[in-house]
Amino acid sequence: MTGSTLRQASNVEAGDHLSYMKLALSLATKSPPKPTNYRVGAVVVDIATNEILTTGYTLELPGNTHAEQCCFEKLAEQNGITTSRLSEVLPDEIALYTTIEPCSQRLSGNLPCVDRILAIGNKIKTVYVGVYEPEKFVSDNSSKQKLKDASIEFVHVAGLEKDILEVATAGHEKPS
């Protein structure tokens, strides 16, 4: 994380979901606008200590990377392991904040973000989302149900929907 992101995070009180979502939204603005993806920001928090473990945003890392994917890849790198071993090193109770509902299908053929979350096992207890995934690229996102089926709480954090969608769709052709 950058120094400015750490400074922002130090002001967030435990359980202040709106502030964590605002931090995720600020990260989304770092993603380059493109017509073929949403600009998404994500924050991974240790619930017990209220420590931000990592942050990410769409296309932060090389390849067609999503925000959640960037978070998990950075956590794996920090710990010198592959993402498949993250459950071995992460704290027992993690929250994931993401501006848009994790994808359940990737048109690029990459592993969907919901499957990346599920692969971490029972460490992620709650996924907080700012908006449900719009149906522009993929319809019928099944992430919410998959998470609930795995006993992972899915919580919509209301209040930033307009801002999130404005940032997410920058670079998209707007209807006239």
Protein backbone atom coordinates (compact mmCIF):
# COMPACT_ATOMS: atom_id res chain seq x y z
CA MET A 1 0.00 0.00 0.00
CA THR A 2 1.11 3.52 -0.62
CA GLY A 3 1.80 5.90 2.23
CA SER A 4 -1.27 7.99 1.42
CA THR A 5 -3.48 4.89 1.47
CA LEU A 6 -2.07 3.93 4.86
CA ARG A 7 -2.74 7.42 6.19
CA GLN A 8 -6.34 7.22 4.96
CA ALA A 9 -6.74 3.80 6.53
CA SER A 10 -5.43 4.84 9.93
CA ASN A 11 -8.49 7.07 10.32
CA VAL A 12 -11.02 4.26 9.72
CA GLU A 13 -12.65 2.91 12.87
CA ALA A 14 -13.54 -0.75 13.18
CA GLY A 15 -16.96 -1.40 11.71
CA ASP A 16 -17.05 1.85 9.73
CA HIS A 17 -18.07 0.11 6.52
CA LEU A 18 -18.86 3.30 4.64
CA SER A 19 -15.36 4.67 5.24
CA TYR A 20 -13.77 1.42 4.07
CA MET A 21 -15.97 1.56 0.96
CA LYS A 22 -14.87 5.17 0.36
CA LEU A 23 -11.26 3.97 0.55
CA ALA A 24 -12.04 1.23 -1.98
CA LEU A 25 -13.67 3.84 -4.22
CA SER A 26 -10.58 6.05 -4.02
CA LEU A 27 -8.52 3.07 -5.16
CA ALA A 28 -10.87 2.43 -8.09
CA THR A 29 -10.06 5.89 -9.44
CA LYS A 30 -6.46 4.72 -9.98
CA SER A 31 -7.58 2.13 -12.50
CA PRO A 32 -7.24 3.23 -16.14
CA PRO A 33 -10.59 3.92 -17.83
CA LYS A 34 -11.36 1.29 -20.49
CA PRO A 35 -14.53 0.38 -22.36
CA THR A 36 -14.04 -3.34 -21.64
CA ASN A 37 -14.03 -3.48 -17.84
CA TYR A 38 -15.21 -1.80 -14.66
CA ARG A 39 -12.86 0.24 -12.51
CA VAL A 40 -13.09 -1.45 -9.10
CA GLY A 41 -11.29 -0.93 -5.81
CA ALA A 42 -10.89 -3.45 -2.99
CA VAL A 43 -9.62 -3.48 0.60
CA VAL A 44 -8.80 -6.55 2.72
CA VAL A 45 -9.11 -6.03 6.48
CA ASP A 46 -8.19 -8.20 9.47
CA ILE A 47 -11.40 -7.99 11.49
CA ALA A 48 -9.74 -8.73 14.86
CA THR A 49 -7.15 -5.94 14.61
CA ASN A 50 -8.85 -3.59 12.10
CA GLU A 51 -5.58 -3.71 10.14
CA ILE A 52 -5.69 -3.25 6.40
CA LEU A 53 -3.76 -6.21 5.03
CA THR A 54 -3.74 -5.03 1.42
CA THR A 55 -5.59 -3.03 -1.19
CA GLY A 56 -6.08 -3.41 -4.91
CA TYR A 57 -7.73 -1.98 -7.98
CA THR A 58 -8.56 -3.16 -11.48
CA LEU A 59 -5.48 -3.49 -13.71
CA GLU A 60 -3.10 -2.59 -10.86
CA LEU A 61 -1.00 -5.64 -11.70
CA PRO A 62 -0.01 -6.88 -15.17
CA GLY A 63 -2.60 -8.74 -17.19
CA ASN A 64 -6.36 -8.39 -17.15
CA THR A 65 -6.44 -8.25 -13.34
CA HIS A 66 -9.46 -7.47 -11.20
CA ALA A 67 -9.25 -5.60 -7.89
CA GLU A 68 -9.83 -8.65 -5.68
CA GLN A 69 -7.32 -10.66 -7.72
CA CYS A 70 -4.72 -7.92 -7.21
CA CYS A 71 -5.33 -8.02 -3.45
CA PHE A 72 -4.82 -11.77 -3.27
CA GLU A 73 -1.77 -11.76 -5.53
CA LYS A 74 -0.16 -9.00 -3.44
CA LEU A 75 -0.91 -10.88 -0.20
CA ALA A 76 0.67 -14.02 -1.65
CA GLU A 77 3.76 -12.08 -2.75
CA GLN A 78 4.07 -10.40 0.68
CA ASN A 79 4.09 -13.86 2.26
CA GLY A 80 6.32 -15.53 -0.35
CA ILE A 81 3.68 -18.09 -1.32
CA THR A 82 1.25 -18.84 -4.12
CA THR A 83 -2.34 -17.63 -3.87
CA SER A 84 -3.44 -21.26 -3.45
CA ARG A 85 -1.72 -21.25 -0.03
CA LEU A 86 -3.16 -17.98 1.32
CA SER A 87 -5.45 -19.77 3.77
CA GLU A 88 -2.32 -21.04 5.54
CA VAL A 89 -1.04 -17.57 6.44
CA LEU A 90 -4.02 -15.23 6.67
CA PRO A 91 -5.70 -14.25 9.94
CA ASP A 92 -8.82 -16.22 10.88
CA GLU A 93 -11.33 -13.43 10.28
CA ILE A 94 -11.05 -11.24 7.21
CA ALA A 95 -13.41 -8.76 5.61
CA LEU A 96 -13.24 -7.88 1.92
CA TYR A 97 -14.57 -4.52 0.78
CA THR A 98 -15.11 -4.16 -2.96
CA THR A 99 -16.85 -1.40 -4.85
CA ILE A 100 -18.60 -3.85 -7.20
CA GLU A 101 -19.87 -7.33 -6.40
CA PRO A 102 -17.15 -9.91 -7.14
CA CYS A 103 -17.48 -11.39 -10.62
CA SER A 104 -18.81 -14.91 -11.02
CA GLN A 105 -17.70 -15.29 -14.63
CA ARG A 106 -14.71 -13.95 -16.58
CA LEU A 107 -15.04 -13.52 -20.32
CA SER A 108 -11.23 -13.54 -20.50
CA GLY A 109 -11.09 -17.09 -19.16
CA ASN A 110 -9.38 -16.01 -15.91
CA LEU A 111 -10.60 -17.42 -12.61
CA PRO A 112 -13.63 -15.43 -11.39
CA CYS A 113 -13.11 -13.37 -8.25
CA VAL A 114 -15.80 -15.24 -6.30
CA ASP A 115 -13.87 -18.47 -6.91
CA ARG A 116 -10.68 -16.78 -5.69
CA ILE A 117 -12.52 -15.79 -2.50
CA LEU A 118 -13.86 -19.31 -2.00
CA ALA A 119 -10.38 -20.79 -2.60
CA ILE A 120 -9.09 -18.96 0.49
CA GLY A 121 -11.36 -21.14 2.56
CA ASN A 122 -13.10 -19.96 5.70
CA LYS A 123 -10.83 -16.97 6.35
CA ILE A 124 -13.01 -14.39 4.59
CA LYS A 125 -16.07 -14.01 6.79
CA THR A 126 -17.80 -11.07 5.09
CA VAL A 127 -17.77 -9.48 1.65
CA TYR A 128 -18.99 -5.88 1.64
CA VAL A 129 -20.05 -4.51 -1.76
CA GLY A 130 -20.90 -0.99 -2.88
CA VAL A 131 -23.05 -2.04 -5.86
CA TYR A 132 -24.22 -5.24 -7.47
CA GLU A 133 -22.43 -6.02 -10.73
CA PRO A 134 -24.20 -4.30 -13.64
CA GLU A 135 -25.20 -6.68 -16.43
CA LYS A 136 -23.21 -4.97 -19.18
CA PHE A 137 -20.61 -7.71 -19.64
CA VAL A 138 -22.05 -10.75 -17.84
CA SER A 139 -25.63 -11.28 -16.73
CA ASP A 140 -26.88 -13.25 -13.75
CA ASN A 141 -23.93 -12.79 -11.40
CA SER A 142 -24.12 -15.70 -8.95
CA SER A 143 -21.49 -14.44 -6.49
CA LYS A 144 -23.91 -13.50 -3.73
CA GLN A 145 -25.45 -16.98 -3.71
CA LYS A 146 -22.08 -18.76 -3.95
CA LEU A 147 -20.77 -16.76 -0.99
CA LYS A 148 -23.89 -17.39 1.08
CA ASP A 149 -23.70 -21.12 0.25
CA ALA A 150 -20.14 -21.07 1.66
CA SER A 151 -21.34 -19.30 4.85
CA ILE A 152 -19.67 -16.04 3.83
CA GLU A 153 -21.80 -13.03 4.69
CA PHE A 154 -22.64 -10.73 1.76
CA VAL A 155 -23.43 -7.15 2.77
CA HIS A 156 -24.41 -4.22 0.56
CA VAL A 157 -22.98 -0.94 1.89
CA ALA A 158 -25.43 1.72 0.76
CA GLY A 159 -24.70 5.37 0.06
CA LEU A 160 -22.06 5.49 -2.68
CA GLU A 161 -23.83 3.78 -5.57
CA LYS A 162 -23.88 6.80 -7.90
CA ASP A 163 -20.21 7.61 -7.30
CA ILE A 164 -19.15 3.98 -7.63
CA LEU A 165 -20.94 3.54 -10.95
CA GLU A 166 -19.58 6.84 -12.27
CA VAL A 167 -16.01 5.76 -11.51
CA ALA A 168 -16.59 2.15 -12.60
CA THR A 169 -17.91 3.08 -16.03
CA ALA A 170 -15.41 5.82 -16.93
CA GLY A 171 -14.18 4.99 -20.40
CA HIS A 172 -17.44 3.27 -21.36
CA GLU A 173 -19.55 4.60 -24.18
CA LYS A 174 -22.43 6.53 -22.64
CA PRO A 175 -25.94 6.23 -24.11
CA SER A 176 -27.06 9.44 -25.78
